[in-house]
Amino acid sequence: MFTCLIQYILLVPSYVNILMIYAFCNTHDVSWGTKGDNTNTGNLNGALVIEEDDKATIKINVIEKEDINVAYNNIIKELKNKEHEEKQHRNAFTKKDDYYKLFRTNLVLS
């Protein structure tokens, strides 16, 4: 106990700072990288969920090898023609939640 006392006393301030940062960051909150993406669109890219009794199965459409190039070319064409989406309006709860996340981020950065 006496051999480590000096190191412990010198490192106590860093422990306090690390715990403060940990408390502000809320590392259990995994939603930090999703600003503006607060809703689930439900798009499973062609997968269909079938629920029977207590079981859920997923049906997936498989593309033949010949169709892969055609599908790739179609996706490239769709990406070139970008559609302008309407601006989504956030409800009051989402605005408040985003404000708190932004404040917490700026506090941790400062």
PDB file of N, CA and C in Angstrom:
ATOM      1  N   MET A   1       0.822  -1.187   0.000  1.00  0.00           N
ATOM      2  CA  MET A   1       0.000   0.000   0.000  1.00  0.00           C
ATOM      3  C   MET A   1       0.875   1.263   0.000  1.00  0.00           C
ATOM      4  N   PHE A   2       1.929   1.262   0.766  1.00  0.00           N
ATOM      5  CA  PHE A   2       2.769   2.449   0.840  1.00  0.00           C
ATOM      6  C   PHE A   2       3.631   2.633  -0.396  1.00  0.00           C
ATOM      7  N   THR A   3       3.930   1.564  -1.109  1.00  0.00           N
ATOM      8  CA  THR A   3       4.770   1.681  -2.303  1.00  0.00           C
ATOM      9  C   THR A   3       4.038   2.353  -3.449  1.00  0.00           C
ATOM     10  N   CYS A   4       2.726   2.257  -3.509  1.00  0.00           N
ATOM     11  CA  CYS A   4       1.933   2.826  -4.613  1.00  0.00           C
ATOM     12  C   CYS A   4       1.281   4.148  -4.257  1.00  0.00           C
ATOM     13  N   LEU A   5       1.390   4.613  -3.055  1.00  0.00           N
ATOM     14  CA  LEU A   5       0.661   5.793  -2.603  1.00  0.00           C
ATOM     15  C   LEU A   5       1.016   7.037  -3.417  1.00  0.00           C
ATOM     16  N   ILE A   6       2.257   7.253  -3.710  1.00  0.00           N
ATOM     17  CA  ILE A   6       2.676   8.458  -4.445  1.00  0.00           C
ATOM     18  C   ILE A   6       2.113   8.437  -5.868  1.00  0.00           C
ATOM     19  N   GLN A   7       2.213   7.292  -6.558  1.00  0.00           N
ATOM     20  CA  GLN A   7       1.658   7.196  -7.911  1.00  0.00           C
ATOM     21  C   GLN A   7       0.140   7.423  -7.894  1.00  0.00           C
ATOM     22  N   TYR A   8      -0.525   6.847  -6.911  1.00  0.00           N
ATOM     23  CA  TYR A   8      -1.972   7.008  -6.822  1.00  0.00           C
ATOM     24  C   TYR A   8      -2.346   8.466  -6.624  1.00  0.00           C
ATOM     25  N   ILE A   9      -1.694   9.162  -5.721  1.00  0.00           N
ATOM     26  CA  ILE A   9      -2.003  10.568  -5.446  1.00  0.00           C
ATOM     27  C   ILE A   9      -1.727  11.427  -6.674  1.00  0.00           C
ATOM     28  N   LEU A  10      -0.678  11.122  -7.419  1.00  0.00           N
ATOM     29  CA  LEU A  10      -0.366  11.897  -8.623  1.00  0.00           C
ATOM     30  C   LEU A  10      -1.358  11.631  -9.754  1.00  0.00           C
ATOM     31  N   LEU A  11      -1.937  10.448  -9.815  1.00  0.00           N
ATOM     32  CA  LEU A  11      -2.843  10.102 -10.912  1.00  0.00           C
ATOM     33  C   LEU A  11      -4.319  10.359 -10.607  1.00  0.00           C
ATOM     34  N   VAL A  12      -4.670  10.714  -9.393  1.00  0.00           N
ATOM     35  CA  VAL A  12      -6.079  10.960  -9.036  1.00  0.00           C
ATOM     36  C   VAL A  12      -6.721  12.022  -9.930  1.00  0.00           C
ATOM     37  N   PRO A  13      -6.073  13.152 -10.235  1.00  0.00           N
ATOM     38  CA  PRO A  13      -6.734  14.130 -11.113  1.00  0.00           C
ATOM     39  C   PRO A  13      -7.057  13.571 -12.499  1.00  0.00           C
ATOM     40  N   SER A  14      -6.207  12.740 -13.042  1.00  0.00           N
ATOM     41  CA  SER A  14      -6.508  12.170 -14.357  1.00  0.00           C
ATOM     42  C   SER A  14      -7.683  11.200 -14.271  1.00  0.00           C
ATOM     43  N   TYR A  15      -7.816  10.472 -13.166  1.00  0.00           N
ATOM     44  CA  TYR A  15      -8.974   9.600 -13.003  1.00  0.00           C
ATOM     45  C   TYR A  15     -10.259  10.410 -12.992  1.00  0.00           C
ATOM     46  N   VAL A  16     -10.246  11.516 -12.289  1.00  0.00           N
ATOM     47  CA  VAL A  16     -11.433  12.359 -12.207  1.00  0.00           C
ATOM     48  C   VAL A  16     -11.798  12.893 -13.598  1.00  0.00           C
ATOM     49  N   ASN A  17     -10.801  13.355 -14.351  1.00  0.00           N
ATOM     50  CA  ASN A  17     -11.068  13.872 -15.695  1.00  0.00           C
ATOM     51  C   ASN A  17     -11.587  12.790 -16.628  1.00  0.00           C
ATOM     52  N   ILE A  18     -11.022  11.612 -16.557  1.00  0.00           N
ATOM     53  CA  ILE A  18     -11.489  10.523 -17.413  1.00  0.00           C
ATOM     54  C   ILE A  18     -12.927  10.155 -17.070  1.00  0.00           C
ATOM     55  N   LEU A  19     -13.263  10.114 -15.787  1.00  0.00           N
ATOM     56  CA  LEU A  19     -14.641   9.801 -15.401  1.00  0.00           C
ATOM     57  C   LEU A  19     -15.614  10.889 -15.838  1.00  0.00           C
ATOM     58  N   MET A  20     -15.176  12.146 -15.814  1.00  0.00           N
ATOM     59  CA  MET A  20     -16.049  13.239 -16.284  1.00  0.00           C
ATOM     60  C   MET A  20     -16.325  13.091 -17.776  1.00  0.00           C
ATOM     61  N   ILE A  21     -15.291  12.831 -18.543  1.00  0.00           N
ATOM     62  CA  ILE A  21     -15.477  12.658 -19.986  1.00  0.00           C
ATOM     63  C   ILE A  21     -16.370  11.462 -20.257  1.00  0.00           C
ATOM     64  N   TYR A  22     -16.155  10.386 -19.552  1.00  0.00           N
ATOM     65  CA  TYR A  22     -16.990   9.199 -19.712  1.00  0.00           C
ATOM     66  C   TYR A  22     -18.453   9.514 -19.396  1.00  0.00           C
ATOM     67  N   ALA A  23     -18.678  10.290 -18.349  1.00  0.00           N
ATOM     68  CA  ALA A  23     -20.050  10.631 -17.964  1.00  0.00           C
ATOM     69  C   ALA A  23     -20.714  11.524 -19.009  1.00  0.00           C
ATOM     70  N   PHE A  24     -19.965  12.455 -19.586  1.00  0.00           N
ATOM     71  CA  PHE A  24     -20.554  13.347 -20.593  1.00  0.00           C
ATOM     72  C   PHE A  24     -20.798  12.626 -21.914  1.00  0.00           C
ATOM     73  N   CYS A  25     -19.954  11.700 -22.250  1.00  0.00           N
ATOM     74  CA  CYS A  25     -20.069  11.036 -23.549  1.00  0.00           C
ATOM     75  C   CYS A  25     -21.207  10.033 -23.611  1.00  0.00           C
ATOM     76  N   ASN A  26     -21.609   9.497 -22.476  1.00  0.00           N
ATOM     77  CA  ASN A  26     -22.646   8.464 -22.460  1.00  0.00           C
ATOM     78  C   ASN A  26     -22.333   7.377 -23.493  1.00  0.00           C
ATOM     79  N   THR A  27     -21.279   6.629 -23.256  1.00  0.00           N
ATOM     80  CA  THR A  27     -20.842   5.651 -24.243  1.00  0.00           C
ATOM     81  C   THR A  27     -21.857   4.545 -24.474  1.00  0.00           C
ATOM     82  N   HIS A  28     -22.852   4.400 -23.619  1.00  0.00           N
ATOM     83  CA  HIS A  28     -23.894   3.410 -23.871  1.00  0.00           C
ATOM     84  C   HIS A  28     -24.858   3.883 -24.958  1.00  0.00           C
ATOM     85  N   ASP A  29     -24.832   5.178 -25.276  1.00  0.00           N
ATOM     86  CA  ASP A  29     -25.713   5.743 -26.296  1.00  0.00           C
ATOM     87  C   ASP A  29     -25.082   5.507 -27.662  1.00  0.00           C
ATOM     88  N   VAL A  30     -25.662   4.616 -28.462  1.00  0.00           N
ATOM     89  CA  VAL A  30     -25.064   4.266 -29.748  1.00  0.00           C
ATOM     90  C   VAL A  30     -25.634   5.087 -30.904  1.00  0.00           C
ATOM     91  N   SER A  31     -26.417   6.112 -30.623  1.00  0.00           N
ATOM     92  CA  SER A  31     -27.067   6.870 -31.685  1.00  0.00           C
ATOM     93  C   SER A  31     -26.278   8.092 -32.117  1.00  0.00           C
ATOM     94  N   TRP A  32     -25.011   8.211 -31.725  1.00  0.00           N
ATOM     95  CA  TRP A  32     -24.275   9.433 -31.992  1.00  0.00           C
ATOM     96  C   TRP A  32     -24.009   9.669 -33.466  1.00  0.00           C
ATOM     97  N   GLY A  33     -23.830   8.659 -34.269  1.00  0.00           N
ATOM     98  CA  GLY A  33     -23.499   8.876 -35.672  1.00  0.00           C
ATOM     99  C   GLY A  33     -24.704   8.974 -36.575  1.00  0.00           C
ATOM    100  N   THR A  34     -25.882   9.202 -36.038  1.00  0.00           N
ATOM    101  CA  THR A  34     -27.090   9.145 -36.856  1.00  0.00           C
ATOM    102  C   THR A  34     -27.842  10.465 -36.867  1.00  0.00           C
ATOM    103  N   LYS A  35     -27.146  11.571 -36.844  1.00  0.00           N
ATOM    104  CA  LYS A  35     -27.842  12.865 -36.870  1.00  0.00           C
ATOM    105  C   LYS A  35     -28.660  12.974 -38.159  1.00  0.00           C
ATOM    106  N   GLY A  36     -29.921  13.288 -38.028  1.00  0.00           N
ATOM    107  CA  GLY A  36     -30.794  13.441 -39.178  1.00  0.00           C
ATOM    108  C   GLY A  36     -31.395  12.130 -39.636  1.00  0.00           C
ATOM    109  N   ASP A  37     -30.942  11.004 -39.114  1.00  0.00           N
ATOM    110  CA  ASP A  37     -31.477   9.706 -39.504  1.00  0.00           C
ATOM    111  C   ASP A  37     -32.141   9.083 -38.289  1.00  0.00           C
ATOM    112  N   ASN A  38     -33.229   9.695 -37.864  1.00  0.00           N
ATOM    113  CA  ASN A  38     -33.886   9.262 -36.634  1.00  0.00           C
ATOM    114  C   ASN A  38     -35.049   8.316 -36.886  1.00  0.00           C
ATOM    115  N   THR A  39     -35.342   8.016 -38.127  1.00  0.00           N
ATOM    116  CA  THR A  39     -36.485   7.168 -38.416  1.00  0.00           C
ATOM    117  C   THR A  39     -36.031   5.916 -39.142  1.00  0.00           C
ATOM    118  N   ASN A  40     -36.817   4.882 -39.040  1.00  0.00           N
ATOM    119  CA  ASN A  40     -36.554   3.632 -39.733  1.00  0.00           C
ATOM    120  C   ASN A  40     -37.384   3.612 -41.008  1.00  0.00           C
ATOM    121  N   THR A  41     -36.725   3.488 -42.156  1.00  0.00           N
ATOM    122  CA  THR A  41     -37.448   3.469 -43.418  1.00  0.00           C
ATOM    123  C   THR A  41     -38.036   2.106 -43.720  1.00  0.00           C
ATOM    124  N   GLY A  42     -37.508   1.061 -43.079  1.00  0.00           N
ATOM    125  CA  GLY A  42     -38.038  -0.273 -43.297  1.00  0.00           C
ATOM    126  C   GLY A  42     -37.585  -0.898 -44.590  1.00  0.00           C
ATOM    127  N   ASN A  43     -36.631  -0.311 -45.280  1.00  0.00           N
ATOM    128  CA  ASN A  43     -36.156  -0.843 -46.541  1.00  0.00           C
ATOM    129  C   ASN A  43     -35.151  -1.954 -46.282  1.00  0.00           C
ATOM    130  N   LEU A  44     -35.477  -3.168 -46.715  1.00  0.00           N
ATOM    131  CA  LEU A  44     -34.581  -4.305 -46.526  1.00  0.00           C
ATOM    132  C   LEU A  44     -33.936  -4.731 -47.837  1.00  0.00           C
ATOM    133  N   ASN A  45     -33.960  -3.871 -48.856  1.00  0.00           N
ATOM    134  CA  ASN A  45     -33.328  -4.144 -50.151  1.00  0.00           C
ATOM    135  C   ASN A  45     -33.782  -5.456 -50.768  1.00  0.00           C
ATOM    136  N   GLY A  46     -35.070  -5.658 -50.863  1.00  0.00           N
ATOM    137  CA  GLY A  46     -35.593  -6.835 -51.537  1.00  0.00           C
ATOM    138  C   GLY A  46     -35.852  -8.013 -50.629  1.00  0.00           C
ATOM    139  N   ALA A  47     -35.497  -7.931 -49.375  1.00  0.00           N
ATOM    140  CA  ALA A  47     -35.764  -9.025 -48.449  1.00  0.00           C
ATOM    141  C   ALA A  47     -37.182  -8.880 -47.909  1.00  0.00           C
ATOM    142  N   LEU A  48     -37.850  -9.994 -47.779  1.00  0.00           N
ATOM    143  CA  LEU A  48     -39.233 -10.003 -47.318  1.00  0.00           C
ATOM    144  C   LEU A  48     -39.313 -10.819 -46.028  1.00  0.00           C
ATOM    145  N   VAL A  49     -39.810 -10.211 -44.968  1.00  0.00           N
ATOM    146  CA  VAL A  49     -39.933 -10.902 -43.684  1.00  0.00           C
ATOM    147  C   VAL A  49     -41.315 -11.537 -43.609  1.00  0.00           C
ATOM    148  N   ILE A  50     -41.327 -12.843 -43.356  1.00  0.00           N
ATOM    149  CA  ILE A  50     -42.586 -13.593 -43.237  1.00  0.00           C
ATOM    150  C   ILE A  50     -42.670 -14.113 -41.810  1.00  0.00           C
ATOM    151  N   GLU A  51     -43.721 -13.713 -41.108  1.00  0.00           N
ATOM    152  CA  GLU A  51     -43.887 -14.143 -39.719  1.00  0.00           C
ATOM    153  C   GLU A  51     -45.022 -15.146 -39.640  1.00  0.00           C
ATOM    154  N   GLU A  52     -44.694 -16.335 -39.113  1.00  0.00           N
ATOM    155  CA  GLU A  52     -45.691 -17.383 -38.913  1.00  0.00           C
ATOM    156  C   GLU A  52     -45.579 -17.881 -37.481  1.00  0.00           C
ATOM    157  N   ASP A  53     -46.687 -17.909 -36.794  1.00  0.00           N
ATOM    158  CA  ASP A  53     -46.714 -18.343 -35.391  1.00  0.00           C
ATOM    159  C   ASP A  53     -45.682 -17.556 -34.597  1.00  0.00           C
ATOM    160  N   ASP A  54     -44.686 -18.240 -34.029  1.00  0.00           N
ATOM    161  CA  ASP A  54     -43.643 -17.571 -33.260  1.00  0.00           C
ATOM    162  C   ASP A  54     -42.337 -17.499 -34.027  1.00  0.00           C
ATOM    163  N   LYS A  55     -42.364 -17.864 -35.310  1.00  0.00           N
ATOM    164  CA  LYS A  55     -41.145 -17.892 -36.115  1.00  0.00           C
ATOM    165  C   LYS A  55     -41.188 -16.788 -37.168  1.00  0.00           C
ATOM    166  N   ALA A  56     -40.033 -16.234 -37.453  1.00  0.00           N
ATOM    167  CA  ALA A  56     -39.916 -15.229 -38.512  1.00  0.00           C
ATOM    168  C   ALA A  56     -38.877 -15.720 -39.499  1.00  0.00           C
ATOM    169  N   THR A  57     -39.248 -15.745 -40.764  1.00  0.00           N
ATOM    170  CA  THR A  57     -38.303 -16.147 -41.805  1.00  0.00           C
ATOM    171  C   THR A  57     -38.135 -14.999 -42.793  1.00  0.00           C
ATOM    172  N   ILE A  58     -37.015 -15.004 -43.475  1.00  0.00           N
ATOM    173  CA  ILE A  58     -36.721 -13.957 -44.441  1.00  0.00           C
ATOM    174  C   ILE A  58     -36.584 -14.593 -45.822  1.00  0.00           C
ATOM    175  N   LYS A  59     -37.309 -14.046 -46.783  1.00  0.00           N
ATOM    176  CA  LYS A  59     -37.230 -14.523 -48.154  1.00  0.00           C
ATOM    177  C   LYS A  59     -36.424 -13.505 -48.958  1.00  0.00           C
ATOM    178  N   ILE A  60     -35.392 -13.976 -49.642  1.00  0.00           N
ATOM    179  CA  ILE A  60     -34.497 -13.096 -50.385  1.00  0.00           C
ATOM    180  C   ILE A  60     -34.532 -13.490 -51.851  1.00  0.00           C
ATOM    181  N   ASN A  61     -34.649 -12.494 -52.734  1.00  0.00           N
ATOM    182  CA  ASN A  61     -34.583 -12.741 -54.167  1.00  0.00           C
ATOM    183  C   ASN A  61     -33.131 -12.813 -54.600  1.00  0.00           C
ATOM    184  N   VAL A  62     -32.748 -13.938 -55.216  1.00  0.00           N
ATOM    185  CA  VAL A  62     -31.378 -14.138 -55.665  1.00  0.00           C
ATOM    186  C   VAL A  62     -31.287 -13.764 -57.130  1.00  0.00           C
ATOM    187  N   ILE A  63     -30.260 -12.995 -57.487  1.00  0.00           N
ATOM    188  CA  ILE A  63     -30.064 -12.556 -58.868  1.00  0.00           C
ATOM    189  C   ILE A  63     -29.154 -13.545 -59.579  1.00  0.00           C
ATOM    190  N   GLU A  64     -29.539 -13.923 -60.788  1.00  0.00           N
ATOM    191  CA  GLU A  64     -28.705 -14.819 -61.595  1.00  0.00           C
ATOM    192  C   GLU A  64     -27.429 -14.098 -62.003  1.00  0.00           C
ATOM    193  N   LYS A  65     -26.385 -14.865 -62.348  1.00  0.00           N
ATOM    194  CA  LYS A  65     -25.103 -14.260 -62.697  1.00  0.00           C
ATOM    195  C   LYS A  65     -25.214 -13.337 -63.907  1.00  0.00           C
ATOM    196  N   GLU A  66     -26.019 -13.707 -64.888  1.00  0.00           N
ATOM    197  CA  GLU A  66     -26.150 -12.870 -66.088  1.00  0.00           C
ATOM    198  C   GLU A  66     -26.804 -11.533 -65.761  1.00  0.00           C
ATOM    199  N   ASP A  67     -27.679 -11.528 -64.761  1.00  0.00           N
ATOM    200  CA  ASP A  67     -28.415 -10.313 -64.420  1.00  0.00           C
ATOM    201  C   ASP A  67     -27.602  -9.343 -63.568  1.00  0.00           C
ATOM    202  N   ILE A  68     -26.474  -9.777 -63.038  1.00  0.00           N
ATOM    203  CA  ILE A  68     -25.700  -8.911 -62.150  1.00  0.00           C
ATOM    204  C   ILE A  68     -25.205  -7.675 -62.891  1.00  0.00           C
ATOM    205  N   ASN A  69     -24.696  -7.853 -64.105  1.00  0.00           N
ATOM    206  CA  ASN A  69     -24.215  -6.702 -64.871  1.00  0.00           C
ATOM    207  C   ASN A  69     -25.357  -5.754 -65.225  1.00  0.00           C
ATOM    208  N   VAL A  70     -26.505  -6.297 -65.574  1.00  0.00           N
ATOM    209  CA  VAL A  70     -27.663  -5.464 -65.897  1.00  0.00           C
ATOM    210  C   VAL A  70     -28.110  -4.696 -64.653  1.00  0.00           C
ATOM    211  N   ALA A  71     -28.142  -5.387 -63.516  1.00  0.00           N
ATOM    212  CA  ALA A  71     -28.538  -4.724 -62.271  1.00  0.00           C
ATOM    213  C   ALA A  71     -27.539  -3.633 -61.902  1.00  0.00           C
ATOM    214  N   TYR A  72     -26.252  -3.907 -62.094  1.00  0.00           N
ATOM    215  CA  TYR A  72     -25.219  -2.905 -61.805  1.00  0.00           C
ATOM    216  C   TYR A  72     -25.404  -1.670 -62.686  1.00  0.00           C
ATOM    217  N   ASN A  73     -25.623  -1.875 -63.965  1.00  0.00           N
ATOM    218  CA  ASN A  73     -25.828  -0.745 -64.881  1.00  0.00           C
ATOM    219  C   ASN A  73     -27.080   0.048 -64.513  1.00  0.00           C
ATOM    220  N   ASN A  74     -28.137  -0.635 -64.100  1.00  0.00           N
ATOM    221  CA  ASN A  74     -29.355   0.064 -63.687  1.00  0.00           C
ATOM    222  C   ASN A  74     -29.118   0.900 -62.436  1.00  0.00           C
ATOM    223  N   ILE A  75     -28.351   0.369 -61.498  1.00  0.00           N
ATOM    224  CA  ILE A  75     -28.054   1.125 -60.273  1.00  0.00           C
ATOM    225  C   ILE A  75     -27.211   2.349 -60.599  1.00  0.00           C
ATOM    226  N   ILE A  76     -26.252   2.205 -61.510  1.00  0.00           N
ATOM    227  CA  ILE A  76     -25.424   3.352 -61.915  1.00  0.00           C
ATOM    228  C   ILE A  76     -26.292   4.428 -62.549  1.00  0.00           C
ATOM    229  N   LYS A  77     -27.239   4.041 -63.386  1.00  0.00           N
ATOM    230  CA  LYS A  77     -28.146   5.011 -64.002  1.00  0.00           C
ATOM    231  C   LYS A  77     -28.989   5.722 -62.943  1.00  0.00           C
ATOM    232  N   GLU A  78     -29.469   4.974 -61.955  1.00  0.00           N
ATOM    233  CA  GLU A  78     -30.273   5.580 -60.888  1.00  0.00           C
ATOM    234  C   GLU A  78     -29.452   6.553 -60.056  1.00  0.00           C
ATOM    235  N   LEU A  79     -28.187   6.219 -59.830  1.00  0.00           N
ATOM    236  CA  LEU A  79     -27.338   7.108 -59.036  1.00  0.00           C
ATOM    237  C   LEU A  79     -27.008   8.394 -59.790  1.00  0.00           C
ATOM    238  N   LYS A  80     -26.913   8.319 -61.101  1.00  0.00           N
ATOM    239  CA  LYS A  80     -26.617   9.515 -61.894  1.00  0.00           C
ATOM    240  C   LYS A  80     -27.800  10.483 -61.875  1.00  0.00           C
ATOM    241  N   ASN A  81     -29.004   9.959 -61.862  1.00  0.00           N
ATOM    242  CA  ASN A  81     -30.212  10.789 -61.858  1.00  0.00           C
ATOM    243  C   ASN A  81     -30.710  10.933 -60.431  1.00  0.00           C
ATOM    244  N   LYS A  82     -30.107  11.845 -59.706  1.00  0.00           N
ATOM    245  CA  LYS A  82     -30.470  12.039 -58.298  1.00  0.00           C
ATOM    246  C   LYS A  82     -31.790  12.794 -58.204  1.00  0.00           C
ATOM    247  N   GLU A  83     -32.690  12.224 -57.426  1.00  0.00           N
ATOM    248  CA  GLU A  83     -33.981  12.866 -57.215  1.00  0.00           C
ATOM    249  C   GLU A  83     -33.897  13.759 -55.990  1.00  0.00           C
ATOM    250  N   HIS A  84     -34.506  14.911 -56.092  1.00  0.00           N
ATOM    251  CA  HIS A  84     -34.516  15.838 -54.957  1.00  0.00           C
ATOM    252  C   HIS A  84     -35.679  15.479 -54.055  1.00  0.00           C
ATOM    253  N   GLU A  85     -35.351  15.146 -52.834  1.00  0.00           N
ATOM    254  CA  GLU A  85     -36.383  14.771 -51.879  1.00  0.00           C
ATOM    255  C   GLU A  85     -36.865  16.005 -51.125  1.00  0.00           C
ATOM    256  N   GLU A  86     -38.102  15.909 -50.682  1.00  0.00           N
ATOM    257  CA  GLU A  86     -38.643  17.002 -49.882  1.00  0.00           C
ATOM    258  C   GLU A  86     -37.939  17.038 -48.544  1.00  0.00           C
ATOM    259  N   LYS A  87     -37.758  18.228 -48.037  1.00  0.00           N
ATOM    260  CA  LYS A  87     -37.114  18.378 -46.742  1.00  0.00           C
ATOM    261  C   LYS A  87     -38.059  17.858 -45.666  1.00  0.00           C
ATOM    262  N   GLN A  88     -37.514  17.005 -44.804  1.00  0.00           N
ATOM    263  CA  GLN A  88     -38.337  16.446 -43.748  1.00  0.00           C
ATOM    264  C   GLN A  88     -38.365  17.400 -42.564  1.00  0.00           C
ATOM    265  N   HIS A  89     -39.530  17.539 -41.989  1.00  0.00           N
ATOM    266  CA  HIS A  89     -39.691  18.399 -40.831  1.00  0.00           C
ATOM    267  C   HIS A  89     -39.638  17.527 -39.580  1.00  0.00           C
ATOM    268  N   ARG A  90     -38.852  17.962 -38.624  1.00  0.00           N
ATOM    269  CA  ARG A  90     -38.700  17.202 -37.390  1.00  0.00           C
ATOM    270  C   ARG A  90     -39.736  17.659 -36.372  1.00  0.00           C
ATOM    271  N   ASN A  91     -40.177  16.704 -35.567  1.00  0.00           N
ATOM    272  CA  ASN A  91     -41.115  17.080 -34.519  1.00  0.00           C
ATOM    273  C   ASN A  91     -40.362  17.707 -33.346  1.00  0.00           C
ATOM    274  N   ALA A  92     -41.079  18.218 -32.386  1.00  0.00           N
ATOM    275  CA  ALA A  92     -40.470  18.957 -31.275  1.00  0.00           C
ATOM    276  C   ALA A  92     -39.551  18.067 -30.438  1.00  0.00           C
ATOM    277  N   PHE A  93     -39.940  16.807 -30.216  1.00  0.00           N
ATOM    278  CA  PHE A  93     -39.114  15.908 -29.414  1.00  0.00           C
ATOM    279  C   PHE A  93     -37.770  15.642 -30.089  1.00  0.00           C
ATOM    280  N   THR A  94     -37.781  15.433 -31.399  1.00  0.00           N
ATOM    281  CA  THR A  94     -36.534  15.167 -32.123  1.00  0.00           C
ATOM    282  C   THR A  94     -35.629  16.383 -32.114  1.00  0.00           C
ATOM    283  N   LYS A  95     -36.210  17.583 -32.277  1.00  0.00           N
ATOM    284  CA  LYS A  95     -35.408  18.810 -32.228  1.00  0.00           C
ATOM    285  C   LYS A  95     -34.754  18.969 -30.864  1.00  0.00           C
ATOM    286  N   LYS A  96     -35.520  18.721 -29.815  1.00  0.00           N
ATOM    287  CA  LYS A  96     -34.995  18.850 -28.462  1.00  0.00           C
ATOM    288  C   LYS A  96     -33.884  17.822 -28.222  1.00  0.00           C
ATOM    289  N   ASP A  97     -34.106  16.595 -28.661  1.00  0.00           N
ATOM    290  CA  ASP A  97     -33.119  15.526 -28.494  1.00  0.00           C
ATOM    291  C   ASP A  97     -31.834  15.841 -29.258  1.00  0.00           C
ATOM    292  N   ASP A  98     -31.961  16.334 -30.481  1.00  0.00           N
ATOM    293  CA  ASP A  98     -30.783  16.706 -31.273  1.00  0.00           C
ATOM    294  C   ASP A  98     -30.038  17.876 -30.652  1.00  0.00           C
ATOM    295  N   TYR A  99     -30.769  18.820 -30.074  1.00  0.00           N
ATOM    296  CA  TYR A  99     -30.120  19.954 -29.417  1.00  0.00           C
ATOM    297  C   TYR A  99     -29.271  19.476 -28.239  1.00  0.00           C
ATOM    298  N   TYR A 100     -29.829  18.566 -27.435  1.00  0.00           N
ATOM    299  CA  TYR A 100     -29.089  18.042 -26.293  1.00  0.00           C
ATOM    300  C   TYR A 100     -27.854  17.263 -26.744  1.00  0.00           C
ATOM    301  N   LYS A 101     -27.974  16.507 -27.822  1.00  0.00           N
ATOM    302  CA  LYS A 101     -26.821  15.758 -28.337  1.00  0.00           C
ATOM    303  C   LYS A 101     -25.745  16.704 -28.842  1.00  0.00           C
ATOM    304  N   LEU A 102     -26.151  17.772 -29.519  1.00  0.00           N
ATOM    305  CA  LEU A 102     -25.182  18.749 -30.014  1.00  0.00           C
ATOM    306  C   LEU A 102     -24.488  19.454 -28.850  1.00  0.00           C
ATOM    307  N   PHE A 103     -25.254  19.818 -27.834  1.00  0.00           N
ATOM    308  CA  PHE A 103     -24.654  20.458 -26.659  1.00  0.00           C
ATOM    309  C   PHE A 103     -23.646  19.539 -25.982  1.00  0.00           C
ATOM    310  N   ARG A 104     -24.014  18.264 -25.828  1.00  0.00           N
ATOM    311  CA  ARG A 104     -23.128  17.295 -25.191  1.00  0.00           C
ATOM    312  C   ARG A 104     -21.857  17.101 -26.027  1.00  0.00           C
ATOM    313  N   THR A 105     -21.992  17.051 -27.343  1.00  0.00           N
ATOM    314  CA  THR A 105     -20.829  16.899 -28.219  1.00  0.00           C
ATOM    315  C   THR A 105     -19.888  18.091 -28.086  1.00  0.00           C
ATOM    316  N   ASN A 106     -20.441  19.306 -28.107  1.00  0.00           N
ATOM    317  CA  ASN A 106     -19.609  20.500 -27.980  1.00  0.00           C
ATOM    318  C   ASN A 106     -18.952  20.579 -26.606  1.00  0.00           C
ATOM    319  N   LEU A 107     -19.674  20.148 -25.572  1.00  0.00           N
ATOM    320  CA  LEU A 107     -19.098  20.156 -24.229  1.00  0.00           C
ATOM    321  C   LEU A 107     -17.916  19.201 -24.132  1.00  0.00           C
ATOM    322  N   VAL A 108     -18.057  18.012 -24.703  1.00  0.00           N
ATOM    323  CA  VAL A 108     -16.956  17.036 -24.661  1.00  0.00           C
ATOM    324  C   VAL A 108     -15.781  17.543 -25.485  1.00  0.00           C
ATOM    325  N   LEU A 109     -16.041  18.147 -26.638  1.00  0.00           N
ATOM    326  CA  LEU A 109     -14.958  18.650 -27.466  1.00  0.00           C
ATOM    327  C   LEU A 109     -14.213  19.806 -26.786  1.00  0.00           C
ATOM    328  N   SER A 110     -14.967  20.643 -26.101  1.00  0.00           N
ATOM    329  CA  SER A 110     -14.298  21.773 -25.429  1.00  0.00           C
ATOM    330  C   SER A 110     -13.530  21.296 -24.212  1.00  0.00           C
TER     331      SER A 110
END
